[in-house]
Amino acid sequence: KEEARTQNFEMAFSAEQEALVVESWAVLKKDAAAHGMKFFT
């Protein structure tokens, strides 16, 4: 049997990247339903 291997990765955002994520989410969550429909259809 081949055993499953697990790897631990540590990821971190820079302050600039984190700010972009927060800003993007603030815009997207205002109309999340419409964005979800566009993305998944």
PDB file of N, CA and C in Angstrom:
ATOM      1  N   LYS A   1       0.841  -1.200   0.000  1.00  0.00           N
ATOM      2  CA  LYS A   1       0.000   0.000   0.000  1.00  0.00           C
ATOM      3  C   LYS A   1       0.875   1.248   0.000  1.00  0.00           C
ATOM      4  N   GLU A   2       0.401   2.210  -0.733  1.00  0.00           N
ATOM      5  CA  GLU A   2       1.111   3.487  -0.731  1.00  0.00           C
ATOM      6  C   GLU A   2       0.473   4.391   0.317  1.00  0.00           C
ATOM      7  N   GLU A   3       1.287   4.895   1.199  1.00  0.00           N
ATOM      8  CA  GLU A   3       0.764   5.755   2.257  1.00  0.00           C
ATOM      9  C   GLU A   3       0.570   7.172   1.739  1.00  0.00           C
ATOM     10  N   ALA A   4      -0.482   7.788   2.208  1.00  0.00           N
ATOM     11  CA  ALA A   4      -0.731   9.181   1.835  1.00  0.00           C
ATOM     12  C   ALA A   4       0.303  10.061   2.522  1.00  0.00           C
ATOM     13  N   ARG A   5       0.823  10.972   1.762  1.00  0.00           N
ATOM     14  CA  ARG A   5       1.803  11.903   2.325  1.00  0.00           C
ATOM     15  C   ARG A   5       1.134  13.251   2.533  1.00  0.00           C
ATOM     16  N   THR A   6       1.444  13.855   3.640  1.00  0.00           N
ATOM     17  CA  THR A   6       0.913  15.189   3.903  1.00  0.00           C
ATOM     18  C   THR A   6       2.072  16.157   3.955  1.00  0.00           C
ATOM     19  N   GLN A   7       1.831  17.322   3.434  1.00  0.00           N
ATOM     20  CA  GLN A   7       2.841  18.368   3.459  1.00  0.00           C
ATOM     21  C   GLN A   7       2.238  19.584   4.133  1.00  0.00           C
ATOM     22  N   ASN A   8       3.019  20.206   4.957  1.00  0.00           N
ATOM     23  CA  ASN A   8       2.570  21.418   5.631  1.00  0.00           C
ATOM     24  C   ASN A   8       3.169  22.619   4.921  1.00  0.00           C
ATOM     25  N   PHE A   9       2.317  23.497   4.462  1.00  0.00           N
ATOM     26  CA  PHE A   9       2.757  24.711   3.811  1.00  0.00           C
ATOM     27  C   PHE A   9       2.295  25.892   4.643  1.00  0.00           C
ATOM     28  N   GLU A  10       3.162  26.841   4.799  1.00  0.00           N
ATOM     29  CA  GLU A  10       2.787  28.060   5.502  1.00  0.00           C
ATOM     30  C   GLU A  10       2.713  29.172   4.469  1.00  0.00           C
ATOM     31  N   MET A  11       1.560  29.803   4.398  1.00  0.00           N
ATOM     32  CA  MET A  11       1.378  30.883   3.443  1.00  0.00           C
ATOM     33  C   MET A  11       1.094  32.161   4.207  1.00  0.00           C
ATOM     34  N   ALA A  12       1.616  33.230   3.689  1.00  0.00           N
ATOM     35  CA  ALA A  12       1.371  34.518   4.321  1.00  0.00           C
ATOM     36  C   ALA A  12       1.228  35.582   3.242  1.00  0.00           C
ATOM     37  N   PHE A  13       0.336  36.512   3.467  1.00  0.00           N
ATOM     38  CA  PHE A  13       0.163  37.638   2.569  1.00  0.00           C
ATOM     39  C   PHE A  13       1.012  38.800   3.061  1.00  0.00           C
ATOM     40  N   SER A  14       1.516  39.581   2.127  1.00  0.00           N
ATOM     41  CA  SER A  14       2.155  40.831   2.520  1.00  0.00           C
ATOM     42  C   SER A  14       1.036  41.795   2.916  1.00  0.00           C
ATOM     43  N   ALA A  15       1.384  42.884   3.541  1.00  0.00           N
ATOM     44  CA  ALA A  15       0.370  43.861   3.950  1.00  0.00           C
ATOM     45  C   ALA A  15      -0.373  44.398   2.729  1.00  0.00           C
ATOM     46  N   GLU A  16       0.344  44.605   1.626  1.00  0.00           N
ATOM     47  CA  GLU A  16      -0.280  45.115   0.401  1.00  0.00           C
ATOM     48  C   GLU A  16      -1.250  44.089  -0.185  1.00  0.00           C
ATOM     49  N   GLN A  17      -0.848  42.830  -0.205  1.00  0.00           N
ATOM     50  CA  GLN A  17      -1.722  41.775  -0.722  1.00  0.00           C
ATOM     51  C   GLN A  17      -2.971  41.638   0.141  1.00  0.00           C
ATOM     52  N   GLU A  18      -2.790  41.684   1.443  1.00  0.00           N
ATOM     53  CA  GLU A  18      -3.934  41.570   2.350  1.00  0.00           C
ATOM     54  C   GLU A  18      -4.913  42.719   2.138  1.00  0.00           C
ATOM     55  N   ALA A  19      -4.387  43.926   1.959  1.00  0.00           N
ATOM     56  CA  ALA A  19      -5.248  45.085   1.718  1.00  0.00           C
ATOM     57  C   ALA A  19      -6.039  44.914   0.424  1.00  0.00           C
ATOM     58  N   LEU A  20      -5.410  44.354  -0.615  1.00  0.00           N
ATOM     59  CA  LEU A  20      -6.103  44.120  -1.881  1.00  0.00           C
ATOM     60  C   LEU A  20      -7.219  43.097  -1.723  1.00  0.00           C
ATOM     61  N   VAL A  21      -6.965  42.047  -0.954  1.00  0.00           N
ATOM     62  CA  VAL A  21      -7.989  41.023  -0.714  1.00  0.00           C
ATOM     63  C   VAL A  21      -9.171  41.629   0.034  1.00  0.00           C
ATOM     64  N   VAL A  22      -8.885  42.378   1.071  1.00  0.00           N
ATOM     65  CA  VAL A  22      -9.947  42.999   1.874  1.00  0.00           C
ATOM     66  C   VAL A  22     -10.762  43.966   1.016  1.00  0.00           C
ATOM     67  N   GLU A  23     -10.073  44.777   0.223  1.00  0.00           N
ATOM     68  CA  GLU A  23     -10.766  45.746  -0.632  1.00  0.00           C
ATOM     69  C   GLU A  23     -11.617  45.041  -1.690  1.00  0.00           C
ATOM     70  N   SER A  24     -11.064  44.007  -2.303  1.00  0.00           N
ATOM     71  CA  SER A  24     -11.806  43.261  -3.323  1.00  0.00           C
ATOM     72  C   SER A  24     -13.046  42.612  -2.736  1.00  0.00           C
ATOM     73  N   TRP A  25     -12.900  42.007  -1.567  1.00  0.00           N
ATOM     74  CA  TRP A  25     -14.047  41.352  -0.938  1.00  0.00           C
ATOM     75  C   TRP A  25     -15.124  42.369  -0.582  1.00  0.00           C
ATOM     76  N   ALA A  26     -14.722  43.548  -0.131  1.00  0.00           N
ATOM     77  CA  ALA A  26     -15.695  44.585   0.213  1.00  0.00           C
ATOM     78  C   ALA A  26     -16.535  44.955  -1.005  1.00  0.00           C
ATOM     79  N   VAL A  27     -15.910  44.994  -2.181  1.00  0.00           N
ATOM     80  CA  VAL A  27     -16.633  45.308  -3.416  1.00  0.00           C
ATOM     81  C   VAL A  27     -17.507  44.130  -3.831  1.00  0.00           C
ATOM     82  N   LEU A  28     -16.951  42.923  -3.810  1.00  0.00           N
ATOM     83  CA  LEU A  28     -17.675  41.746  -4.291  1.00  0.00           C
ATOM     84  C   LEU A  28     -18.865  41.367  -3.413  1.00  0.00           C
ATOM     85  N   LYS A  29     -18.732  41.515  -2.102  1.00  0.00           N
ATOM     86  CA  LYS A  29     -19.806  41.055  -1.218  1.00  0.00           C
ATOM     87  C   LYS A  29     -21.067  41.895  -1.333  1.00  0.00           C
ATOM     88  N   LYS A  30     -20.956  43.092  -1.909  1.00  0.00           N
ATOM     89  CA  LYS A  30     -22.142  43.931  -2.095  1.00  0.00           C
ATOM     90  C   LYS A  30     -23.132  43.271  -3.046  1.00  0.00           C
ATOM     91  N   ASP A  31     -22.621  42.498  -3.997  1.00  0.00           N
ATOM     92  CA  ASP A  31     -23.485  41.829  -4.967  1.00  0.00           C
ATOM     93  C   ASP A  31     -22.993  40.392  -5.178  1.00  0.00           C
ATOM     94  N   ALA A  32     -22.765  39.701  -4.075  1.00  0.00           N
ATOM     95  CA  ALA A  32     -22.195  38.352  -4.124  1.00  0.00           C
ATOM     96  C   ALA A  32     -23.064  37.381  -4.917  1.00  0.00           C
ATOM     97  N   ALA A  33     -24.373  37.501  -4.819  1.00  0.00           N
ATOM     98  CA  ALA A  33     -25.262  36.575  -5.527  1.00  0.00           C
ATOM     99  C   ALA A  33     -25.082  36.689  -7.035  1.00  0.00           C
ATOM    100  N   ALA A  34     -25.047  37.899  -7.545  1.00  0.00           N
ATOM    101  CA  ALA A  34     -24.881  38.095  -8.992  1.00  0.00           C
ATOM    102  C   ALA A  34     -23.508  37.621  -9.450  1.00  0.00           C
ATOM    103  N   HIS A  35     -22.483  37.926  -8.666  1.00  0.00           N
ATOM    104  CA  HIS A  35     -21.136  37.474  -9.026  1.00  0.00           C
ATOM    105  C   HIS A  35     -21.057  35.952  -9.005  1.00  0.00           C
ATOM    106  N   GLY A  36     -21.703  35.331  -8.039  1.00  0.00           N
ATOM    107  CA  GLY A  36     -21.723  33.870  -7.963  1.00  0.00           C
ATOM    108  C   GLY A  36     -22.402  33.254  -9.169  1.00  0.00           C
ATOM    109  N   MET A  37     -23.511  33.845  -9.598  1.00  0.00           N
ATOM    110  CA  MET A  37     -24.219  33.337 -10.775  1.00  0.00           C
ATOM    111  C   MET A  37     -23.355  33.454 -12.024  1.00  0.00           C
ATOM    112  N   LYS A  38     -22.650  34.568 -12.167  1.00  0.00           N
ATOM    113  CA  LYS A  38     -21.773  34.753 -13.330  1.00  0.00           C
ATOM    114  C   LYS A  38     -20.629  33.745 -13.302  1.00  0.00           C
ATOM    115  N   PHE A  39     -20.082  33.519 -12.126  1.00  0.00           N
ATOM    116  CA  PHE A  39     -18.926  32.633 -11.991  1.00  0.00           C
ATOM    117  C   PHE A  39     -19.297  31.174 -12.233  1.00  0.00           C
ATOM    118  N   PHE A  40     -20.435  30.736 -11.689  1.00  0.00           N
ATOM    119  CA  PHE A  40     -20.788  29.316 -11.725  1.00  0.00           C
ATOM    120  C   PHE A  40     -21.698  28.917 -12.878  1.00  0.00           C
ATOM    121  N   THR A  41     -22.076  29.864 -13.737  1.00  0.00           N
ATOM    122  CA  THR A  41     -22.912  29.499 -14.888  1.00  0.00           C
ATOM    123  C   THR A  41     -22.220  29.820 -16.184  1.00  0.00           C
TER     124      THR A  41
END
